[in-house]
């Protein structure tokens, strides 16, 4: 059983790391070309998901070497690193959604708030918050039992809890992280959907007006052209948000079962949900780090073109190097 899980984790880690590195390289090239703040956040998401894959390799190694004794410190470091990188991935997705929301809802303020230092500050806040939430519970020795199985000085697994001595604290931690973020996601997308419908109607009206030149003066035509340009620019942000929408949808489908069932497990010990959490739902959530780069590779036109250029360049070099 542990070797089967170790094999599954190894394949998952290889796919997550390789896919995110490939898409991350394409994002880095786009960032160097355009220098857009949004690409910085997406690149940070690829980095966080890559580190999730690296953290999974530690769990796979533990499954293959389950006969060897693992110390408590090593157990906690692995758990903390995995938790921190998962939180960084979740918070970065929220940051991407917030960036798109502000670009559509408050375009003037968004242009003022965009900048190298503010982007750097936002990313630093994400990583500091993630590592604080990931490593802070390990600072007290009596909480070791809350985060990993420890039996005969051996870390059996890092996925669920054998005995939780601070149920309320962990429930509050999950609620403060997941459910408010979920509520904000829903609010932002409903608000953006309303804005998108209004912009679509305005663009249709302007196009109908501009198609009747005899009914409009030259000044009105220039005004309509300028207004249409602004609406089309905002509409491009709405279209780019579709990719973020798919990203958030995959996140909800893959992580919601784990968070919900984990809270049910903490509140109802007789429900026997530990094995479901440990062997299925936890692994399902980690697959979100594999889905994220695939979403951008399939749905984002700029990323698709950049990947195509990269593969074309590699193919041409291989053909030119062939005898």
C-alpha atoms as a PDB file:
ATOM      1  CA  UNK A   1       0.000   0.000   0.000  1.00  0.00           C
ATOM      2  CA  UNK A   2       2.664   2.647   0.860  1.00  0.00           C
ATOM      3  CA  UNK A   3       4.677   1.755  -2.252  1.00  0.00           C
ATOM      4  CA  UNK A   4       1.604   2.183  -4.465  1.00  0.00           C
ATOM      5  CA  UNK A   5       0.955   5.592  -2.932  1.00  0.00           C
ATOM      6  CA  UNK A   6       4.638   6.434  -3.304  1.00  0.00           C
ATOM      7  CA  UNK A   7       4.472   5.566  -7.000  1.00  0.00           C
ATOM      8  CA  UNK A   8       1.354   7.726  -7.466  1.00  0.00           C
ATOM      9  CA  UNK A   9       2.989  10.640  -5.642  1.00  0.00           C
ATOM     10  CA  UNK A  10       6.190  10.312  -7.674  1.00  0.00           C
ATOM     11  CA  UNK A  11       4.316  10.437 -10.996  1.00  0.00           C
ATOM     12  CA  UNK A  12       2.236  13.361  -9.710  1.00  0.00           C
ATOM     13  CA  UNK A  13       5.321  15.270  -8.576  1.00  0.00           C
ATOM     14  CA  UNK A  14       7.079  14.769 -11.922  1.00  0.00           C
ATOM     15  CA  UNK A  15       4.036  15.951 -13.871  1.00  0.00           C
ATOM     16  CA  UNK A  16       3.452  18.966 -11.608  1.00  0.00           C
ATOM     17  CA  UNK A  17       7.079  20.133 -11.635  1.00  0.00           C
ATOM     18  CA  UNK A  18       7.692  19.595 -15.366  1.00  0.00           C
ATOM     19  CA  UNK A  19       4.398  21.179 -16.488  1.00  0.00           C
ATOM     20  CA  UNK A  20       4.787  24.228 -14.257  1.00  0.00           C
ATOM     21  CA  UNK A  21       8.409  24.734 -15.283  1.00  0.00           C
ATOM     22  CA  UNK A  22       7.424  24.637 -18.960  1.00  0.00           C
ATOM     23  CA  UNK A  23       4.525  27.057 -18.577  1.00  0.00           C
ATOM     24  CA  UNK A  24       6.582  29.173 -16.158  1.00  0.00           C
ATOM     25  CA  UNK A  25       9.290  29.568 -18.814  1.00  0.00           C
ATOM     26  CA  UNK A  26       6.680  30.768 -21.308  1.00  0.00           C
ATOM     27  CA  UNK A  27       5.281  33.192 -18.726  1.00  0.00           C
ATOM     28  CA  UNK A  28       8.757  34.528 -17.966  1.00  0.00           C
ATOM     29  CA  UNK A  29       9.331  35.232 -21.670  1.00  0.00           C
ATOM     30  CA  UNK A  30       5.979  37.027 -21.847  1.00  0.00           C
ATOM     31  CA  UNK A  31       6.849  39.018 -18.744  1.00  0.00           C
ATOM     32  CA  UNK A  32      10.186  40.110 -20.227  1.00  0.00           C
ATOM     33  CA  UNK A  33       8.436  41.158 -23.444  1.00  0.00           C
ATOM     34  CA  UNK A  34       5.524  43.078 -21.947  1.00  0.00           C
ATOM     35  CA  UNK A  35       6.349  43.710 -18.293  1.00  0.00           C
ATOM     36  CA  UNK A  36       2.687  43.388 -17.275  1.00  0.00           C
ATOM     37  CA  UNK A  37       1.769  43.152 -13.589  1.00  0.00           C
ATOM     38  CA  UNK A  38      -0.731  40.372 -14.248  1.00  0.00           C
ATOM     39  CA  UNK A  39       1.941  38.098 -15.722  1.00  0.00           C
ATOM     40  CA  UNK A  40       3.997  38.542 -12.521  1.00  0.00           C
ATOM     41  CA  UNK A  41       1.138  37.093 -10.491  1.00  0.00           C
ATOM     42  CA  UNK A  42       0.603  34.198 -12.915  1.00  0.00           C
ATOM     43  CA  UNK A  43       4.340  33.452 -12.879  1.00  0.00           C
ATOM     44  CA  UNK A  44       4.222  33.420  -9.089  1.00  0.00           C
ATOM     45  CA  UNK A  45       1.393  30.876  -9.284  1.00  0.00           C
ATOM     46  CA  UNK A  46       3.572  28.637 -11.464  1.00  0.00           C
ATOM     47  CA  UNK A  47       6.400  28.997  -8.931  1.00  0.00           C
ATOM     48  CA  UNK A  48       4.143  28.075  -6.000  1.00  0.00           C
ATOM     49  CA  UNK A  49       2.751  25.043  -7.844  1.00  0.00           C
ATOM     50  CA  UNK A  50       6.288  23.936  -8.738  1.00  0.00           C
ATOM     51  CA  UNK A  51       7.226  24.027  -5.064  1.00  0.00           C
ATOM     52  CA  UNK A  52       4.106  21.967  -4.278  1.00  0.00           C
ATOM     53  CA  UNK A  53       5.481  19.318  -6.633  1.00  0.00           C
ATOM     54  CA  UNK A  54       8.855  19.496  -4.914  1.00  0.00           C
ATOM     55  CA  UNK A  55       7.156  19.057  -1.528  1.00  0.00           C
ATOM     56  CA  UNK A  56       5.290  15.989  -2.806  1.00  0.00           C
ATOM     57  CA  UNK A  57       8.610  14.320  -3.643  1.00  0.00           C
ATOM     58  CA  UNK A  58       9.383  14.293   0.082  1.00  0.00           C
ATOM     59  CA  UNK A  59       6.180  12.391   0.785  1.00  0.00           C
ATOM     60  CA  UNK A  60       6.917   9.953  -2.041  1.00  0.00           C
ATOM     61  CA  UNK A  61      10.391   9.307  -0.621  1.00  0.00           C
ATOM     62  CA  UNK A  62       8.830   8.624   2.775  1.00  0.00           C
ATOM     63  CA  UNK A  63       6.420   6.076   1.281  1.00  0.00           C
ATOM     64  CA  UNK A  64       9.243   4.206  -0.450  1.00  0.00           C
ATOM     65  CA  UNK A  65      11.409   4.260   2.691  1.00  0.00           C
ATOM     66  CA  UNK A  66       8.685   3.548   5.230  1.00  0.00           C
ATOM     67  CA  UNK A  67      10.905   1.063   7.085  1.00  0.00           C
ATOM     68  CA  UNK A  68      13.296   3.794   8.161  1.00  0.00           C
ATOM     69  CA  UNK A  69      12.670   5.940  11.211  1.00  0.00           C
ATOM     70  CA  UNK A  70      11.793   9.549  10.436  1.00  0.00           C
ATOM     71  CA  UNK A  71      12.430  12.154  13.119  1.00  0.00           C
ATOM     72  CA  UNK A  72       9.791  14.537  14.384  1.00  0.00           C
ATOM     73  CA  UNK A  73      11.627  17.597  13.103  1.00  0.00           C
ATOM     74  CA  UNK A  74      11.897  16.192   9.600  1.00  0.00           C
ATOM     75  CA  UNK A  75       8.232  15.218   9.687  1.00  0.00           C
ATOM     76  CA  UNK A  76       7.164  18.721  10.699  1.00  0.00           C
ATOM     77  CA  UNK A  77       9.385  20.450   8.161  1.00  0.00           C
ATOM     78  CA  UNK A  78       7.873  18.427   5.336  1.00  0.00           C
ATOM     79  CA  UNK A  79       4.346  19.110   6.535  1.00  0.00           C
ATOM     80  CA  UNK A  80       5.010  22.825   7.003  1.00  0.00           C
ATOM     81  CA  UNK A  81       6.635  23.212   3.600  1.00  0.00           C
ATOM     82  CA  UNK A  82       3.768  21.436   1.845  1.00  0.00           C
ATOM     83  CA  UNK A  83       1.172  23.472   3.723  1.00  0.00           C
ATOM     84  CA  UNK A  84       2.988  26.749   2.978  1.00  0.00           C
ATOM     85  CA  UNK A  85       3.289  26.107  -0.751  1.00  0.00           C
ATOM     86  CA  UNK A  86      -0.373  25.075  -1.032  1.00  0.00           C
ATOM     87  CA  UNK A  87      -1.410  28.239   0.789  1.00  0.00           C
ATOM     88  CA  UNK A  88       0.846  30.318  -1.500  1.00  0.00           C
ATOM     89  CA  UNK A  89      -0.864  28.778  -4.523  1.00  0.00           C
ATOM     90  CA  UNK A  90      -4.342  29.505  -3.134  1.00  0.00           C
ATOM     91  CA  UNK A  91      -3.498  33.091  -2.131  1.00  0.00           C
ATOM     92  CA  UNK A  92      -1.868  33.753  -5.516  1.00  0.00           C
ATOM     93  CA  UNK A  93      -5.053  32.647  -7.283  1.00  0.00           C
ATOM     94  CA  UNK A  94      -6.958  35.095  -5.117  1.00  0.00           C
ATOM     95  CA  UNK A  95      -4.422  37.818  -6.001  1.00  0.00           C
ATOM     96  CA  UNK A  96      -4.864  37.108  -9.731  1.00  0.00           C
ATOM     97  CA  UNK A  97      -8.646  37.356  -9.403  1.00  0.00           C
ATOM     98  CA  UNK A  98      -8.375  40.576  -7.413  1.00  0.00           C
ATOM     99  CA  UNK A  99      -6.039  42.039 -10.043  1.00  0.00           C
ATOM    100  CA  UNK A 100      -8.521  41.282 -12.854  1.00  0.00           C
ATOM    101  CA  UNK A 101     -11.417  42.571 -10.763  1.00  0.00           C
ATOM    102  CA  UNK A 102      -9.722  45.921 -10.118  1.00  0.00           C
ATOM    103  CA  UNK A 103      -8.726  46.257 -13.778  1.00  0.00           C
ATOM    104  CA  UNK A 104     -12.409  46.025 -14.740  1.00  0.00           C
ATOM    105  CA  UNK A 105     -14.116  47.655 -11.763  1.00  0.00           C
ATOM    106  CA  UNK A 106     -11.663  50.518 -11.125  1.00  0.00           C
ATOM    107  CA  UNK A 107      -9.531  51.019 -14.274  1.00  0.00           C
ATOM    108  CA  UNK A 108      -8.218  54.476 -13.319  1.00  0.00           C
ATOM    109  CA  UNK A 109      -7.241  53.466  -9.809  1.00  0.00           C
ATOM    110  CA  UNK A 110      -5.793  50.230 -11.172  1.00  0.00           C
ATOM    111  CA  UNK A 111      -3.441  52.130 -13.469  1.00  0.00           C
ATOM    112  CA  UNK A 112      -2.254  54.194 -10.501  1.00  0.00           C
ATOM    113  CA  UNK A 113      -1.797  51.166  -8.271  1.00  0.00           C
ATOM    114  CA  UNK A 114       0.104  49.175 -10.878  1.00  0.00           C
ATOM    115  CA  UNK A 115       3.845  49.338 -10.410  1.00  0.00           C
ATOM    116  CA  UNK A 116       6.944  47.330  -9.770  1.00  0.00           C
ATOM    117  CA  UNK A 117       7.140  48.045  -6.053  1.00  0.00           C
ATOM    118  CA  UNK A 118       3.461  47.456  -5.373  1.00  0.00           C
ATOM    119  CA  UNK A 119       3.580  44.181  -7.279  1.00  0.00           C
ATOM    120  CA  UNK A 120       6.655  43.125  -5.313  1.00  0.00           C
ATOM    121  CA  UNK A 121       4.955  44.079  -2.055  1.00  0.00           C
ATOM    122  CA  UNK A 122       1.859  42.034  -2.925  1.00  0.00           C
ATOM    123  CA  UNK A 123       3.935  38.948  -3.725  1.00  0.00           C
ATOM    124  CA  UNK A 124       5.988  39.337  -0.554  1.00  0.00           C
ATOM    125  CA  UNK A 125       2.776  39.571   1.463  1.00  0.00           C
ATOM    126  CA  UNK A 126       1.552  36.333  -0.117  1.00  0.00           C
ATOM    127  CA  UNK A 127       4.725  34.392   0.685  1.00  0.00           C
ATOM    128  CA  UNK A 128       5.164  35.812   4.187  1.00  0.00           C
ATOM    129  CA  UNK A 129       1.537  34.997   5.029  1.00  0.00           C
ATOM    130  CA  UNK A 130       1.849  31.508   3.554  1.00  0.00           C
ATOM    131  CA  UNK A 131       5.010  30.557   5.425  1.00  0.00           C
ATOM    132  CA  UNK A 132       3.702  32.132   8.623  1.00  0.00           C
ATOM    133  CA  UNK A 133       0.517  30.034   8.480  1.00  0.00           C
ATOM    134  CA  UNK A 134       2.495  26.969   7.435  1.00  0.00           C
ATOM    135  CA  UNK A 135       5.262  27.061  10.035  1.00  0.00           C
ATOM    136  CA  UNK A 136       3.713  28.918  12.965  1.00  0.00           C
ATOM    137  CA  UNK A 137       1.761  25.916  14.362  1.00  0.00           C
ATOM    138  CA  UNK A 138       5.044  23.969  14.615  1.00  0.00           C
ATOM    139  CA  UNK A 139       6.632  26.408  17.039  1.00  0.00           C
ATOM    140  CA  UNK A 140       5.059  24.648  20.024  1.00  0.00           C
ATOM    141  CA  UNK A 141       6.135  21.111  20.791  1.00  0.00           C
ATOM    142  CA  UNK A 142       2.750  20.027  22.132  1.00  0.00           C
ATOM    143  CA  UNK A 143       1.164  20.660  18.705  1.00  0.00           C
ATOM    144  CA  UNK A 144       3.307  18.124  16.897  1.00  0.00           C
ATOM    145  CA  UNK A 145       0.604  15.490  17.267  1.00  0.00           C
ATOM    146  CA  UNK A 146      -1.890  17.820  15.565  1.00  0.00           C
ATOM    147  CA  UNK A 147      -0.179  17.781  12.190  1.00  0.00           C
ATOM    148  CA  UNK A 148       1.315  14.336  11.633  1.00  0.00           C
ATOM    149  CA  UNK A 149       1.205  10.801  12.824  1.00  0.00           C
ATOM    150  CA  UNK A 150       3.957  10.189  15.331  1.00  0.00           C
ATOM    151  CA  UNK A 151       4.345   6.714  16.734  1.00  0.00           C
ATOM    152  CA  UNK A 152       7.544   5.309  18.225  1.00  0.00           C
ATOM    153  CA  UNK A 153       9.409   8.435  17.065  1.00  0.00           C
ATOM    154  CA  UNK A 154       8.438   7.717  13.460  1.00  0.00           C
ATOM    155  CA  UNK A 155       6.472   9.959  11.124  1.00  0.00           C
ATOM    156  CA  UNK A 156       4.004   7.611   9.419  1.00  0.00           C
ATOM    157  CA  UNK A 157       2.285  10.232   7.278  1.00  0.00           C
ATOM    158  CA  UNK A 158       1.844  13.974   6.948  1.00  0.00           C
ATOM    159  CA  UNK A 159      -1.615  14.129   5.489  1.00  0.00           C
ATOM    160  CA  UNK A 160      -4.192  13.978   8.263  1.00  0.00           C
ATOM    161  CA  UNK A 161      -4.305  14.057  12.037  1.00  0.00           C
ATOM    162  CA  UNK A 162      -4.315  11.107  14.394  1.00  0.00           C
ATOM    163  CA  UNK A 163      -5.342  13.215  17.337  1.00  0.00           C
ATOM    164  CA  UNK A 164      -6.204  16.884  17.170  1.00  0.00           C
ATOM    165  CA  UNK A 165      -5.826  18.630  20.506  1.00  0.00           C
ATOM    166  CA  UNK A 166      -6.822  22.061  19.210  1.00  0.00           C
ATOM    167  CA  UNK A 167      -9.920  21.389  17.112  1.00  0.00           C
ATOM    168  CA  UNK A 168     -11.266  24.933  17.339  1.00  0.00           C
ATOM    169  CA  UNK A 169      -7.963  26.505  16.282  1.00  0.00           C
ATOM    170  CA  UNK A 170      -7.678  24.320  13.176  1.00  0.00           C
ATOM    171  CA  UNK A 171     -11.322  24.865  12.217  1.00  0.00           C
ATOM    172  CA  UNK A 172     -10.849  28.630  12.541  1.00  0.00           C
ATOM    173  CA  UNK A 173      -7.679  28.414  10.421  1.00  0.00           C
ATOM    174  CA  UNK A 174      -9.512  26.582   7.629  1.00  0.00           C
ATOM    175  CA  UNK A 175     -12.480  28.937   7.807  1.00  0.00           C
ATOM    176  CA  UNK A 176     -10.302  32.064   7.752  1.00  0.00           C
ATOM    177  CA  UNK A 177      -8.412  30.822   4.714  1.00  0.00           C
ATOM    178  CA  UNK A 178     -10.850  28.964   2.486  1.00  0.00           C
ATOM    179  CA  UNK A 179     -14.433  30.098   3.019  1.00  0.00           C
ATOM    180  CA  UNK A 180     -13.875  33.896   3.011  1.00  0.00           C
ATOM    181  CA  UNK A 181     -11.762  33.503  -0.133  1.00  0.00           C
ATOM    182  CA  UNK A 182     -14.562  31.436  -1.671  1.00  0.00           C
ATOM    183  CA  UNK A 183     -17.118  34.132  -0.775  1.00  0.00           C
ATOM    184  CA  UNK A 184     -14.955  36.862  -2.303  1.00  0.00           C
ATOM    185  CA  UNK A 185     -14.517  34.820  -5.474  1.00  0.00           C
ATOM    186  CA  UNK A 186     -18.282  34.472  -5.858  1.00  0.00           C
ATOM    187  CA  UNK A 187     -18.903  38.172  -5.162  1.00  0.00           C
ATOM    188  CA  UNK A 188     -16.232  39.391  -7.603  1.00  0.00           C
ATOM    189  CA  UNK A 189     -17.410  37.178 -10.435  1.00  0.00           C
ATOM    190  CA  UNK A 190     -21.056  38.083 -10.004  1.00  0.00           C
ATOM    191  CA  UNK A 191     -20.124  41.768  -9.989  1.00  0.00           C
ATOM    192  CA  UNK A 192     -17.880  41.350 -13.034  1.00  0.00           C
ATOM    193  CA  UNK A 193     -20.627  39.446 -14.849  1.00  0.00           C
ATOM    194  CA  UNK A 194     -22.950  42.392 -14.316  1.00  0.00           C
ATOM    195  CA  UNK A 195     -20.300  44.831 -15.598  1.00  0.00           C
ATOM    196  CA  UNK A 196     -19.630  42.629 -18.613  1.00  0.00           C
ATOM    197  CA  UNK A 197     -23.320  42.592 -19.555  1.00  0.00           C
ATOM    198  CA  UNK A 198     -23.498  46.401 -19.325  1.00  0.00           C
ATOM    199  CA  UNK A 199     -20.351  46.825 -21.438  1.00  0.00           C
ATOM    200  CA  UNK A 200     -21.630  44.390 -24.048  1.00  0.00           C
ATOM    201  CA  UNK A 201     -24.865  46.375 -24.414  1.00  0.00           C
ATOM    202  CA  UNK A 202     -22.970  49.679 -24.633  1.00  0.00           C
ATOM    203  CA  UNK A 203     -20.617  48.331 -27.308  1.00  0.00           C
ATOM    204  CA  UNK A 204     -23.599  47.090 -29.341  1.00  0.00           C
ATOM    205  CA  UNK A 205     -25.335  50.477 -29.071  1.00  0.00           C
ATOM    206  CA  UNK A 206     -22.198  52.389 -30.115  1.00  0.00           C
ATOM    207  CA  UNK A 207     -21.645  50.121 -33.102  1.00  0.00           C
ATOM    208  CA  UNK A 208     -25.249  50.611 -34.202  1.00  0.00           C
ATOM    209  CA  UNK A 209     -24.874  54.378 -33.865  1.00  0.00           C
ATOM    210  CA  UNK A 210     -21.560  54.503 -35.731  1.00  0.00           C
ATOM    211  CA  UNK A 211     -23.065  52.471 -38.586  1.00  0.00           C
ATOM    212  CA  UNK A 212     -25.481  55.398 -39.291  1.00  0.00           C
ATOM    213  CA  UNK A 213     -23.141  58.312 -40.140  1.00  0.00           C
ATOM    214  CA  UNK A 214     -25.916  60.504 -41.493  1.00  0.00           C
ATOM    215  CA  UNK A 215     -27.447  60.721 -38.000  1.00  0.00           C
ATOM    216  CA  UNK A 216     -24.298  61.770 -36.170  1.00  0.00           C
ATOM    217  CA  UNK A 217     -21.984  64.749 -36.445  1.00  0.00           C
ATOM    218  CA  UNK A 218     -18.201  64.568 -36.690  1.00  0.00           C
ATOM    219  CA  UNK A 219     -17.740  65.466 -32.989  1.00  0.00           C
ATOM    220  CA  UNK A 220     -20.194  62.851 -31.870  1.00  0.00           C
ATOM    221  CA  UNK A 221     -18.454  60.303 -34.079  1.00  0.00           C
ATOM    222  CA  UNK A 222     -15.110  61.038 -32.405  1.00  0.00           C
ATOM    223  CA  UNK A 223     -16.701  60.770 -28.972  1.00  0.00           C
ATOM    224  CA  UNK A 224     -18.297  57.442 -29.828  1.00  0.00           C
ATOM    225  CA  UNK A 225     -15.001  56.182 -31.232  1.00  0.00           C
ATOM    226  CA  UNK A 226     -13.136  57.159 -28.036  1.00  0.00           C
ATOM    227  CA  UNK A 227     -15.840  55.671 -25.814  1.00  0.00           C
ATOM    228  CA  UNK A 228     -15.860  52.481 -27.861  1.00  0.00           C
ATOM    229  CA  UNK A 229     -12.083  52.198 -27.527  1.00  0.00           C
ATOM    230  CA  UNK A 230     -12.351  52.436 -23.737  1.00  0.00           C
ATOM    231  CA  UNK A 231     -15.120  49.832 -23.632  1.00  0.00           C
ATOM    232  CA  UNK A 232     -13.207  47.446 -25.887  1.00  0.00           C
ATOM    233  CA  UNK A 233     -10.163  47.798 -23.682  1.00  0.00           C
ATOM    234  CA  UNK A 234     -12.249  46.949 -20.644  1.00  0.00           C
ATOM    235  CA  UNK A 235     -13.904  44.114 -22.575  1.00  0.00           C
ATOM    236  CA  UNK A 236     -10.461  42.611 -23.231  1.00  0.00           C
ATOM    237  CA  UNK A 237      -9.990  42.386 -19.456  1.00  0.00           C
ATOM    238  CA  UNK A 238     -13.345  40.609 -19.214  1.00  0.00           C
ATOM    239  CA  UNK A 239     -12.278  38.061 -21.844  1.00  0.00           C
ATOM    240  CA  UNK A 240      -8.977  37.516 -20.018  1.00  0.00           C
ATOM    241  CA  UNK A 241     -10.995  36.876 -16.888  1.00  0.00           C
ATOM    242  CA  UNK A 242     -12.516  33.776 -18.471  1.00  0.00           C
ATOM    243  CA  UNK A 243      -9.198  32.004 -17.966  1.00  0.00           C
ATOM    244  CA  UNK A 244      -9.158  33.048 -14.321  1.00  0.00           C
ATOM    245  CA  UNK A 245     -12.748  31.835 -14.024  1.00  0.00           C
ATOM    246  CA  UNK A 246     -11.785  28.376 -15.262  1.00  0.00           C
ATOM    247  CA  UNK A 247      -8.818  28.455 -12.871  1.00  0.00           C
ATOM    248  CA  UNK A 248     -11.011  29.266  -9.881  1.00  0.00           C
ATOM    249  CA  UNK A 249     -13.618  26.720 -10.944  1.00  0.00           C
ATOM    250  CA  UNK A 250     -11.009  23.960 -11.004  1.00  0.00           C
ATOM    251  CA  UNK A 251      -9.740  25.132  -7.612  1.00  0.00           C
ATOM    252  CA  UNK A 252     -13.212  24.894  -6.084  1.00  0.00           C
ATOM    253  CA  UNK A 253     -13.878  21.457  -7.571  1.00  0.00           C
ATOM    254  CA  UNK A 254     -10.535  20.034  -6.418  1.00  0.00           C
ATOM    255  CA  UNK A 255     -10.076  21.651  -2.989  1.00  0.00           C
ATOM    256  CA  UNK A 256     -13.637  22.134  -1.691  1.00  0.00           C
ATOM    257  CA  UNK A 257     -14.179  18.425  -0.892  1.00  0.00           C
ATOM    258  CA  UNK A 258     -11.025  18.322   1.215  1.00  0.00           C
ATOM    259  CA  UNK A 259     -11.795  21.437   3.260  1.00  0.00           C
ATOM    260  CA  UNK A 260     -15.444  20.561   3.813  1.00  0.00           C
ATOM    261  CA  UNK A 261     -14.824  16.903   4.705  1.00  0.00           C
ATOM    262  CA  UNK A 262     -11.875  17.839   6.920  1.00  0.00           C
ATOM    263  CA  UNK A 263     -14.079  20.108   9.010  1.00  0.00           C
ATOM    264  CA  UNK A 264     -16.752  17.376   9.162  1.00  0.00           C
ATOM    265  CA  UNK A 265     -14.040  14.959  10.302  1.00  0.00           C
ATOM    266  CA  UNK A 266     -12.972  17.295  13.088  1.00  0.00           C
ATOM    267  CA  UNK A 267     -16.544  17.751  14.268  1.00  0.00           C
ATOM    268  CA  UNK A 268     -17.660  14.135  13.846  1.00  0.00           C
ATOM    269  CA  UNK A 269     -15.029  11.597  14.895  1.00  0.00           C
ATOM    270  CA  UNK A 270     -17.466   8.702  14.516  1.00  0.00           C
ATOM    271  CA  UNK A 271     -17.921   9.324  10.779  1.00  0.00           C
ATOM    272  CA  UNK A 272     -14.660   7.499   9.880  1.00  0.00           C
ATOM    273  CA  UNK A 273     -13.552   9.970   7.216  1.00  0.00           C
ATOM    274  CA  UNK A 274      -9.818   9.795   7.953  1.00  0.00           C
ATOM    275  CA  UNK A 275      -9.015   7.284   5.208  1.00  0.00           C
ATOM    276  CA  UNK A 276     -11.053   9.205   2.619  1.00  0.00           C
ATOM    277  CA  UNK A 277      -9.211  12.409   3.464  1.00  0.00           C
ATOM    278  CA  UNK A 278      -5.812  10.773   3.529  1.00  0.00           C
ATOM    279  CA  UNK A 279      -5.979   8.647   0.393  1.00  0.00           C
ATOM    280  CA  UNK A 280      -8.326  10.519  -1.943  1.00  0.00           C
ATOM    281  CA  UNK A 281      -9.406  14.078  -1.156  1.00  0.00           C
ATOM    282  CA  UNK A 282      -5.950  15.291  -0.123  1.00  0.00           C
ATOM    283  CA  UNK A 283      -4.439  13.937  -3.337  1.00  0.00           C
ATOM    284  CA  UNK A 284      -7.312  15.445  -5.350  1.00  0.00           C
ATOM    285  CA  UNK A 285      -6.472  18.880  -3.949  1.00  0.00           C
ATOM    286  CA  UNK A 286      -2.801  18.532  -4.829  1.00  0.00           C
ATOM    287  CA  UNK A 287      -3.751  17.833  -8.456  1.00  0.00           C
ATOM    288  CA  UNK A 288      -4.884  21.458  -8.609  1.00  0.00           C
ATOM    289  CA  UNK A 289      -1.202  22.363  -8.973  1.00  0.00           C
ATOM    290  CA  UNK A 290      -1.139  20.306 -12.180  1.00  0.00           C
ATOM    291  CA  UNK A 291      -4.395  21.758 -13.534  1.00  0.00           C
ATOM    292  CA  UNK A 292      -3.327  25.417 -13.099  1.00  0.00           C
ATOM    293  CA  UNK A 293      -0.595  25.463 -15.785  1.00  0.00           C
ATOM    294  CA  UNK A 294      -2.735  23.365 -18.137  1.00  0.00           C
ATOM    295  CA  UNK A 295      -5.548  25.934 -17.859  1.00  0.00           C
ATOM    296  CA  UNK A 296      -3.229  28.760 -18.914  1.00  0.00           C
ATOM    297  CA  UNK A 297      -1.653  26.649 -21.655  1.00  0.00           C
ATOM    298  CA  UNK A 298      -5.079  25.835 -23.135  1.00  0.00           C
ATOM    299  CA  UNK A 299      -7.173  28.937 -22.433  1.00  0.00           C
ATOM    300  CA  UNK A 300      -4.758  31.879 -22.568  1.00  0.00           C
ATOM    301  CA  UNK A 301      -3.946  32.809 -26.167  1.00  0.00           C
ATOM    302  CA  UNK A 302      -0.664  34.579 -25.354  1.00  0.00           C
ATOM    303  CA  UNK A 303       0.637  31.572 -23.442  1.00  0.00           C
ATOM    304  CA  UNK A 304      -0.376  29.193 -26.236  1.00  0.00           C
ATOM    305  CA  UNK A 305       1.459  31.282 -28.822  1.00  0.00           C
ATOM    306  CA  UNK A 306       4.544  31.549 -26.629  1.00  0.00           C
ATOM    307  CA  UNK A 307       4.610  27.792 -26.059  1.00  0.00           C
ATOM    308  CA  UNK A 308       4.193  27.237 -29.794  1.00  0.00           C
ATOM    309  CA  UNK A 309       7.152  29.546 -30.483  1.00  0.00           C
ATOM    310  CA  UNK A 310       9.237  27.699 -27.912  1.00  0.00           C
ATOM    311  CA  UNK A 311       8.465  24.292 -29.409  1.00  0.00           C
ATOM    312  CA  UNK A 312       9.085  25.606 -32.926  1.00  0.00           C
ATOM    313  CA  UNK A 313      12.438  26.983 -31.847  1.00  0.00           C
ATOM    314  CA  UNK A 314      13.430  23.680 -30.233  1.00  0.00           C
ATOM    315  CA  UNK A 315      12.295  21.725 -33.297  1.00  0.00           C
ATOM    316  CA  UNK A 316      14.259  23.953 -35.663  1.00  0.00           C
ATOM    317  CA  UNK A 317      17.400  23.602 -33.571  1.00  0.00           C
ATOM    318  CA  UNK A 318      17.072  19.818 -33.501  1.00  0.00           C
ATOM    319  CA  UNK A 319      16.548  19.691 -37.251  1.00  0.00           C
ATOM    320  CA  UNK A 320      19.496  21.970 -37.930  1.00  0.00           C
ATOM    321  CA  UNK A 321      21.721  19.906 -35.622  1.00  0.00           C
ATOM    322  CA  UNK A 322      20.732  16.637 -37.326  1.00  0.00           C
ATOM    323  CA  UNK A 323      23.218  15.343 -39.931  1.00  0.00           C
END
